[in-house]
Amino acid sequence: MEFAEVVRKRRMVRHFTPEPVPRETVERMLDLARHAPSAGFTQGQAFVVVADPEMKRRVAEVCGEKHYVEAGWDPWISE
């Protein structure tokens, strides 16, 4: 697949199903993300996977998801 085709077909998603993503899929995505290019090859990214519903709720609270939802948007951090 050509890069231009990938860019044209991409979509932003912020409303998800409640079904869990298989661990192998998450690990594969993280492995690919860790190998993505970075500015000056600094590799300055870190990833945190949160699967526990209560922890997702707490992260959403810290990130201010409440204000986002009050503005009429779907909750996407806690989901």
PDB file of N, CA and C in Angstrom:
ATOM      1  N   MET A   1       0.843  -1.172   0.000  1.00  0.00           N
ATOM      2  CA  MET A   1       0.000   0.000   0.000  1.00  0.00           C
ATOM      3  C   MET A   1       0.893   1.240   0.000  1.00  0.00           C
ATOM      4  N   GLU A   2       0.570   2.179  -0.842  1.00  0.00           N
ATOM      5  CA  GLU A   2       1.318   3.425  -0.932  1.00  0.00           C
ATOM      6  C   GLU A   2       0.977   4.338   0.241  1.00  0.00           C
ATOM      7  N   PHE A   3       1.956   5.138   0.664  1.00  0.00           N
ATOM      8  CA  PHE A   3       1.743   6.048   1.788  1.00  0.00           C
ATOM      9  C   PHE A   3       0.585   7.013   1.527  1.00  0.00           C
ATOM     10  N   ALA A   4       0.482   7.533   0.318  1.00  0.00           N
ATOM     11  CA  ALA A   4      -0.600   8.465  -0.018  1.00  0.00           C
ATOM     12  C   ALA A   4      -1.962   7.805   0.189  1.00  0.00           C
ATOM     13  N   GLU A   5      -2.058   6.523  -0.134  1.00  0.00           N
ATOM     14  CA  GLU A   5      -3.313   5.795   0.056  1.00  0.00           C
ATOM     15  C   GLU A   5      -3.625   5.636   1.550  1.00  0.00           C
ATOM     16  N   VAL A   6      -2.600   5.364   2.331  1.00  0.00           N
ATOM     17  CA  VAL A   6      -2.779   5.256   3.780  1.00  0.00           C
ATOM     18  C   VAL A   6      -3.316   6.570   4.341  1.00  0.00           C
ATOM     19  N   VAL A   7      -2.728   7.678   3.933  1.00  0.00           N
ATOM     20  CA  VAL A   7      -3.156   8.991   4.421  1.00  0.00           C
ATOM     21  C   VAL A   7      -4.591   9.281   4.005  1.00  0.00           C
ATOM     22  N   ARG A   8      -4.940   8.967   2.772  1.00  0.00           N
ATOM     23  CA  ARG A   8      -6.301   9.230   2.299  1.00  0.00           C
ATOM     24  C   ARG A   8      -7.337   8.388   3.034  1.00  0.00           C
ATOM     25  N   LYS A   9      -6.996   7.185   3.435  1.00  0.00           N
ATOM     26  CA  LYS A   9      -7.962   6.274   4.056  1.00  0.00           C
ATOM     27  C   LYS A   9      -8.035   6.400   5.575  1.00  0.00           C
ATOM     28  N   ARG A  10      -7.140   7.155   6.179  1.00  0.00           N
ATOM     29  CA  ARG A  10      -7.128   7.233   7.641  1.00  0.00           C
ATOM     30  C   ARG A  10      -8.364   7.959   8.147  1.00  0.00           C
ATOM     31  N   ARG A  11      -8.769   7.629   9.342  1.00  0.00           N
ATOM     32  CA  ARG A  11      -9.914   8.260   9.978  1.00  0.00           C
ATOM     33  C   ARG A  11      -9.594   8.484  11.448  1.00  0.00           C
ATOM     34  N   MET A  12     -10.122   9.566  12.015  1.00  0.00           N
ATOM     35  CA  MET A  12      -9.970   9.820  13.434  1.00  0.00           C
ATOM     36  C   MET A  12     -11.155   9.175  14.142  1.00  0.00           C
ATOM     37  N   VAL A  13     -10.871   8.403  15.163  1.00  0.00           N
ATOM     38  CA  VAL A  13     -11.917   7.708  15.904  1.00  0.00           C
ATOM     39  C   VAL A  13     -11.778   8.071  17.374  1.00  0.00           C
ATOM     40  N   ARG A  14     -12.893   8.494  17.976  1.00  0.00           N
ATOM     41  CA  ARG A  14     -12.878   8.809  19.399  1.00  0.00           C
ATOM     42  C   ARG A  14     -14.070   8.205  20.117  1.00  0.00           C
ATOM     43  N   HIS A  15     -14.717   7.272  19.475  1.00  0.00           N
ATOM     44  CA  HIS A  15     -15.834   6.578  20.116  1.00  0.00           C
ATOM     45  C   HIS A  15     -15.626   5.090  19.838  1.00  0.00           C
ATOM     46  N   PHE A  16     -15.414   4.323  20.889  1.00  0.00           N
ATOM     47  CA  PHE A  16     -14.981   2.947  20.736  1.00  0.00           C
ATOM     48  C   PHE A  16     -15.994   1.963  21.301  1.00  0.00           C
ATOM     49  N   THR A  17     -15.932   0.733  20.858  1.00  0.00           N
ATOM     50  CA  THR A  17     -16.765  -0.325  21.423  1.00  0.00           C
ATOM     51  C   THR A  17     -16.157  -0.740  22.766  1.00  0.00           C
ATOM     52  N   PRO A  18     -16.951  -1.338  23.637  1.00  0.00           N
ATOM     53  CA  PRO A  18     -16.426  -1.757  24.941  1.00  0.00           C
ATOM     54  C   PRO A  18     -15.589  -3.034  24.887  1.00  0.00           C
ATOM     55  N   GLU A  19     -15.498  -3.668  23.729  1.00  0.00           N
ATOM     56  CA  GLU A  19     -14.754  -4.919  23.626  1.00  0.00           C
ATOM     57  C   GLU A  19     -13.257  -4.682  23.822  1.00  0.00           C
ATOM     58  N   PRO A  20     -12.615  -5.498  24.625  1.00  0.00           N
ATOM     59  CA  PRO A  20     -11.174  -5.307  24.849  1.00  0.00           C
ATOM     60  C   PRO A  20     -10.369  -5.652  23.589  1.00  0.00           C
ATOM     61  N   VAL A  21      -9.254  -4.974  23.434  1.00  0.00           N
ATOM     62  CA  VAL A  21      -8.335  -5.257  22.332  1.00  0.00           C
ATOM     63  C   VAL A  21      -7.419  -6.381  22.811  1.00  0.00           C
ATOM     64  N   PRO A  22      -7.251  -7.427  22.014  1.00  0.00           N
ATOM     65  CA  PRO A  22      -6.376  -8.527  22.434  1.00  0.00           C
ATOM     66  C   PRO A  22      -4.972  -8.031  22.772  1.00  0.00           C
ATOM     67  N   ARG A  23      -4.392  -8.591  23.817  1.00  0.00           N
ATOM     68  CA  ARG A  23      -3.068  -8.183  24.281  1.00  0.00           C
ATOM     69  C   ARG A  23      -2.027  -8.248  23.156  1.00  0.00           C
ATOM     70  N   GLU A  24      -2.106  -9.293  22.327  1.00  0.00           N
ATOM     71  CA  GLU A  24      -1.150  -9.447  21.233  1.00  0.00           C
ATOM     72  C   GLU A  24      -1.249  -8.266  20.257  1.00  0.00           C
ATOM     73  N   THR A  25      -2.456  -7.779  20.033  1.00  0.00           N
ATOM     74  CA  THR A  25      -2.648  -6.637  19.129  1.00  0.00           C
ATOM     75  C   THR A  25      -2.031  -5.380  19.725  1.00  0.00           C
ATOM     76  N   VAL A  26      -2.261  -5.161  21.014  1.00  0.00           N
ATOM     77  CA  VAL A  26      -1.691  -3.989  21.688  1.00  0.00           C
ATOM     78  C   VAL A  26      -0.170  -4.064  21.644  1.00  0.00           C
ATOM     79  N   GLU A  27       0.385  -5.233  21.922  1.00  0.00           N
ATOM     80  CA  GLU A  27       1.839  -5.383  21.901  1.00  0.00           C
ATOM     81  C   GLU A  27       2.410  -5.139  20.504  1.00  0.00           C
ATOM     82  N   ARG A  28       1.707  -5.610  19.461  1.00  0.00           N
ATOM     83  CA  ARG A  28       2.162  -5.388  18.085  1.00  0.00           C
ATOM     84  C   ARG A  28       2.133  -3.901  17.740  1.00  0.00           C
ATOM     85  N   MET A  29       1.063  -3.197  18.139  1.00  0.00           N
ATOM     86  CA  MET A  29       0.967  -1.756  17.870  1.00  0.00           C
ATOM     87  C   MET A  29       2.068  -0.995  18.597  1.00  0.00           C
ATOM     88  N   LEU A  30       2.327  -1.359  19.845  1.00  0.00           N
ATOM     89  CA  LEU A  30       3.378  -0.685  20.603  1.00  0.00           C
ATOM     90  C   LEU A  30       4.750  -0.940  20.000  1.00  0.00           C
ATOM     91  N   ASP A  31       4.970  -2.156  19.550  1.00  0.00           N
ATOM     92  CA  ASP A  31       6.257  -2.477  18.930  1.00  0.00           C
ATOM     93  C   ASP A  31       6.465  -1.632  17.673  1.00  0.00           C
ATOM     94  N   LEU A  32       5.423  -1.491  16.869  1.00  0.00           N
ATOM     95  CA  LEU A  32       5.519  -0.666  15.665  1.00  0.00           C
ATOM     96  C   LEU A  32       5.721   0.801  16.037  1.00  0.00           C
ATOM     97  N   ALA A  33       5.018   1.286  17.039  1.00  0.00           N
ATOM     98  CA  ALA A  33       5.143   2.688  17.449  1.00  0.00           C
ATOM     99  C   ALA A  33       6.542   2.978  17.986  1.00  0.00           C
ATOM    100  N   ARG A  34       7.139   2.028  18.691  1.00  0.00           N
ATOM    101  CA  ARG A  34       8.490   2.230  19.233  1.00  0.00           C
ATOM    102  C   ARG A  34       9.529   2.350  18.129  1.00  0.00           C
ATOM    103  N   HIS A  35       9.221   1.805  16.976  1.00  0.00           N
ATOM    104  CA  HIS A  35      10.169   1.854  15.867  1.00  0.00           C
ATOM    105  C   HIS A  35       9.875   2.990  14.887  1.00  0.00           C
ATOM    106  N   ALA A  36       8.893   3.810  15.198  1.00  0.00           N
ATOM    107  CA  ALA A  36       8.568   4.944  14.329  1.00  0.00           C
ATOM    108  C   ALA A  36       9.678   5.984  14.411  1.00  0.00           C
ATOM    109  N   PRO A  37       9.903   6.701  13.337  1.00  0.00           N
ATOM    110  CA  PRO A  37      10.941   7.733  13.358  1.00  0.00           C
ATOM    111  C   PRO A  37      10.608   8.850  14.339  1.00  0.00           C
ATOM    112  N   SER A  38      11.631   9.483  14.862  1.00  0.00           N
ATOM    113  CA  SER A  38      11.448  10.627  15.756  1.00  0.00           C
ATOM    114  C   SER A  38      12.442  11.717  15.353  1.00  0.00           C
ATOM    115  N   ALA A  39      12.152  12.925  15.753  1.00  0.00           N
ATOM    116  CA  ALA A  39      13.011  14.061  15.400  1.00  0.00           C
ATOM    117  C   ALA A  39      14.429  13.830  15.925  1.00  0.00           C
ATOM    118  N   GLY A  40      15.381  13.908  15.045  1.00  0.00           N
ATOM    119  CA  GLY A  40      16.773  13.735  15.452  1.00  0.00           C
ATOM    120  C   GLY A  40      17.069  12.369  16.030  1.00  0.00           C
ATOM    121  N   PHE A  41      16.222  11.392  15.725  1.00  0.00           N
ATOM    122  CA  PHE A  41      16.348  10.030  16.246  1.00  0.00           C
ATOM    123  C   PHE A  41      16.457  10.014  17.770  1.00  0.00           C
ATOM    124  N   THR A  42      15.669  10.892  18.412  1.00  0.00           N
ATOM    125  CA  THR A  42      15.722  10.995  19.868  1.00  0.00           C
ATOM    126  C   THR A  42      14.906   9.929  20.570  1.00  0.00           C
ATOM    127  N   GLN A  43      13.966   9.325  19.849  1.00  0.00           N
ATOM    128  CA  GLN A  43      13.100   8.293  20.431  1.00  0.00           C
ATOM    129  C   GLN A  43      12.501   8.762  21.749  1.00  0.00           C
ATOM    130  N   GLY A  44      12.003   9.988  21.767  1.00  0.00           N
ATOM    131  CA  GLY A  44      11.515  10.581  23.004  1.00  0.00           C
ATOM    132  C   GLY A  44      10.053  10.339  23.298  1.00  0.00           C
ATOM    133  N   GLN A  45       9.572   9.128  23.097  1.00  0.00           N
ATOM    134  CA  GLN A  45       8.186   8.841  23.425  1.00  0.00           C
ATOM    135  C   GLN A  45       8.105   7.710  24.439  1.00  0.00           C
ATOM    136  N   ALA A  46       7.011   7.708  25.157  1.00  0.00           N
ATOM    137  CA  ALA A  46       6.744   6.636  26.113  1.00  0.00           C
ATOM    138  C   ALA A  46       5.271   6.272  25.977  1.00  0.00           C
ATOM    139  N   PHE A  47       4.933   5.046  26.258  1.00  0.00           N
ATOM    140  CA  PHE A  47       3.566   4.572  26.124  1.00  0.00           C
ATOM    141  C   PHE A  47       3.117   3.941  27.433  1.00  0.00           C
ATOM    142  N   VAL A  48       1.884   4.216  27.786  1.00  0.00           N
ATOM    143  CA  VAL A  48       1.270   3.611  28.959  1.00  0.00           C
ATOM    144  C   VAL A  48      -0.042   2.998  28.498  1.00  0.00           C
ATOM    145  N   VAL A  49      -0.218   1.719  28.728  1.00  0.00           N
ATOM    146  CA  VAL A  49      -1.449   1.034  28.350  1.00  0.00           C
ATOM    147  C   VAL A  49      -2.307   0.902  29.600  1.00  0.00           C
ATOM    148  N   VAL A  50      -3.510   1.443  29.518  1.00  0.00           N
ATOM    149  CA  VAL A  50      -4.443   1.385  30.645  1.00  0.00           C
ATOM    150  C   VAL A  50      -5.644   0.563  30.207  1.00  0.00           C
ATOM    151  N   ALA A  51      -5.856  -0.590  30.829  1.00  0.00           N
ATOM    152  CA  ALA A  51      -6.964  -1.473  30.475  1.00  0.00           C
ATOM    153  C   ALA A  51      -8.010  -1.568  31.584  1.00  0.00           C
ATOM    154  N   ASP A  52      -7.618  -1.275  32.799  1.00  0.00           N
ATOM    155  CA  ASP A  52      -8.530  -1.369  33.937  1.00  0.00           C
ATOM    156  C   ASP A  52      -9.566  -0.244  33.870  1.00  0.00           C
ATOM    157  N   PRO A  53     -10.873  -0.567  33.877  1.00  0.00           N
ATOM    158  CA  PRO A  53     -11.910   0.465  33.757  1.00  0.00           C
ATOM    159  C   PRO A  53     -11.823   1.564  34.819  1.00  0.00           C
ATOM    160  N   GLU A  54     -11.525   1.213  36.044  1.00  0.00           N
ATOM    161  CA  GLU A  54     -11.435   2.221  37.104  1.00  0.00           C
ATOM    162  C   GLU A  54     -10.242   3.145  36.868  1.00  0.00           C
ATOM    163  N   MET A  55      -9.137   2.593  36.433  1.00  0.00           N
ATOM    164  CA  MET A  55      -7.969   3.419  36.146  1.00  0.00           C
ATOM    165  C   MET A  55      -8.244   4.320  34.948  1.00  0.00           C
ATOM    166  N   LYS A  56      -8.955   3.813  33.926  1.00  0.00           N
ATOM    167  CA  LYS A  56      -9.320   4.651  32.775  1.00  0.00           C
ATOM    168  C   LYS A  56     -10.200   5.813  33.236  1.00  0.00           C
ATOM    169  N   ARG A  57     -11.122   5.557  34.145  1.00  0.00           N
ATOM    170  CA  ARG A  57     -11.981   6.616  34.675  1.00  0.00           C
ATOM    171  C   ARG A  57     -11.149   7.667  35.391  1.00  0.00           C
ATOM    172  N   ARG A  58     -10.173   7.218  36.172  1.00  0.00           N
ATOM    173  CA  ARG A  58      -9.319   8.152  36.913  1.00  0.00           C
ATOM    174  C   ARG A  58      -8.439   8.971  35.976  1.00  0.00           C
ATOM    175  N   VAL A  59      -7.904   8.341  34.939  1.00  0.00           N
ATOM    176  CA  VAL A  59      -7.096   9.063  33.957  1.00  0.00           C
ATOM    177  C   VAL A  59      -7.972  10.108  33.259  1.00  0.00           C
ATOM    178  N   ALA A  60      -9.187   9.727  32.896  1.00  0.00           N
ATOM    179  CA  ALA A  60     -10.106  10.660  32.240  1.00  0.00           C
ATOM    180  C   ALA A  60     -10.403  11.850  33.139  1.00  0.00           C
ATOM    181  N   GLU A  61     -10.542  11.597  34.429  1.00  0.00           N
ATOM    182  CA  GLU A  61     -10.802  12.675  35.392  1.00  0.00           C
ATOM    183  C   GLU A  61      -9.621  13.653  35.435  1.00  0.00           C
ATOM    184  N   VAL A  62      -8.417  13.111  35.506  1.00  0.00           N
ATOM    185  CA  VAL A  62      -7.214  13.951  35.553  1.00  0.00           C
ATOM    186  C   VAL A  62      -7.058  14.755  34.253  1.00  0.00           C
ATOM    187  N   CYS A  63      -7.459  14.170  33.134  1.00  0.00           N
ATOM    188  CA  CYS A  63      -7.331  14.835  31.836  1.00  0.00           C
ATOM    189  C   CYS A  63      -8.466  15.817  31.546  1.00  0.00           C
ATOM    190  N   GLY A  64      -9.432  15.907  32.439  1.00  0.00           N
ATOM    191  CA  GLY A  64     -10.518  16.862  32.241  1.00  0.00           C
ATOM    192  C   GLY A  64     -11.574  16.412  31.249  1.00  0.00           C
ATOM    193  N   GLU A  65     -11.775  15.120  31.124  1.00  0.00           N
ATOM    194  CA  GLU A  65     -12.766  14.609  30.188  1.00  0.00           C
ATOM    195  C   GLU A  65     -14.170  15.156  30.489  1.00  0.00           C
ATOM    196  N   LYS A  66     -14.455  15.427  31.742  1.00  0.00           N
ATOM    197  CA  LYS A  66     -15.764  15.944  32.139  1.00  0.00           C
ATOM    198  C   LYS A  66     -16.118  17.200  31.335  1.00  0.00           C
ATOM    199  N   HIS A  67     -15.184  18.115  31.186  1.00  0.00           N
ATOM    200  CA  HIS A  67     -15.431  19.357  30.449  1.00  0.00           C
ATOM    201  C   HIS A  67     -15.653  19.080  28.961  1.00  0.00           C
ATOM    202  N   TYR A  68     -14.952  18.112  28.448  1.00  0.00           N
ATOM    203  CA  TYR A  68     -15.095  17.699  27.048  1.00  0.00           C
ATOM    204  C   TYR A  68     -16.505  17.162  26.816  1.00  0.00           C
ATOM    205  N   VAL A  69     -16.980  16.302  27.734  1.00  0.00           N
ATOM    206  CA  VAL A  69     -18.314  15.718  27.627  1.00  0.00           C
ATOM    207  C   VAL A  69     -19.389  16.791  27.819  1.00  0.00           C
ATOM    208  N   GLU A  70     -19.165  17.700  28.765  1.00  0.00           N
ATOM    209  CA  GLU A  70     -20.125  18.787  28.987  1.00  0.00           C
ATOM    210  C   GLU A  70     -20.263  19.677  27.756  1.00  0.00           C
ATOM    211  N   ALA A  71     -19.249  19.713  26.921  1.00  0.00           N
ATOM    212  CA  ALA A  71     -19.292  20.501  25.692  1.00  0.00           C
ATOM    213  C   ALA A  71     -20.033  19.764  24.576  1.00  0.00           C
ATOM    214  N   GLY A  72     -20.499  18.548  24.873  1.00  0.00           N
ATOM    215  CA  GLY A  72     -21.291  17.799  23.904  1.00  0.00           C
ATOM    216  C   GLY A  72     -20.574  16.694  23.164  1.00  0.00           C
ATOM    217  N   TRP A  73     -19.333  16.410  23.528  1.00  0.00           N
ATOM    218  CA  TRP A  73     -18.570  15.362  22.861  1.00  0.00           C
ATOM    219  C   TRP A  73     -18.703  14.049  23.614  1.00  0.00           C
ATOM    220  N   ASP A  74     -18.463  12.948  22.918  1.00  0.00           N
ATOM    221  CA  ASP A  74     -18.488  11.625  23.549  1.00  0.00           C
ATOM    222  C   ASP A  74     -17.268  11.451  24.429  1.00  0.00           C
ATOM    223  N   PRO A  75     -17.418  10.743  25.554  1.00  0.00           N
ATOM    224  CA  PRO A  75     -16.233  10.436  26.365  1.00  0.00           C
ATOM    225  C   PRO A  75     -15.347   9.455  25.592  1.00  0.00           C
ATOM    226  N   TRP A  76     -14.083   9.786  25.453  1.00  0.00           N
ATOM    227  CA  TRP A  76     -13.218   8.863  24.715  1.00  0.00           C
ATOM    228  C   TRP A  76     -12.002   8.439  25.510  1.00  0.00           C
ATOM    229  N   ILE A  77     -11.684   9.126  26.569  1.00  0.00           N
ATOM    230  CA  ILE A  77     -10.565   8.687  27.406  1.00  0.00           C
ATOM    231  C   ILE A  77     -11.025   7.544  28.305  1.00  0.00           C
ATOM    232  N   SER A  78     -12.178   7.720  28.942  1.00  0.00           N
ATOM    233  CA  SER A  78     -12.681   6.709  29.859  1.00  0.00           C
ATOM    234  C   SER A  78     -13.200   5.473  29.129  1.00  0.00           C
ATOM    235  N   GLU A  79     -13.506   5.612  27.860  1.00  0.00           N
ATOM    236  CA  GLU A  79     -13.972   4.455  27.099  1.00  0.00           C
ATOM    237  C   GLU A  79     -12.811   3.675  26.553  1.00  0.00           C
TER     238      GLU A  79
END
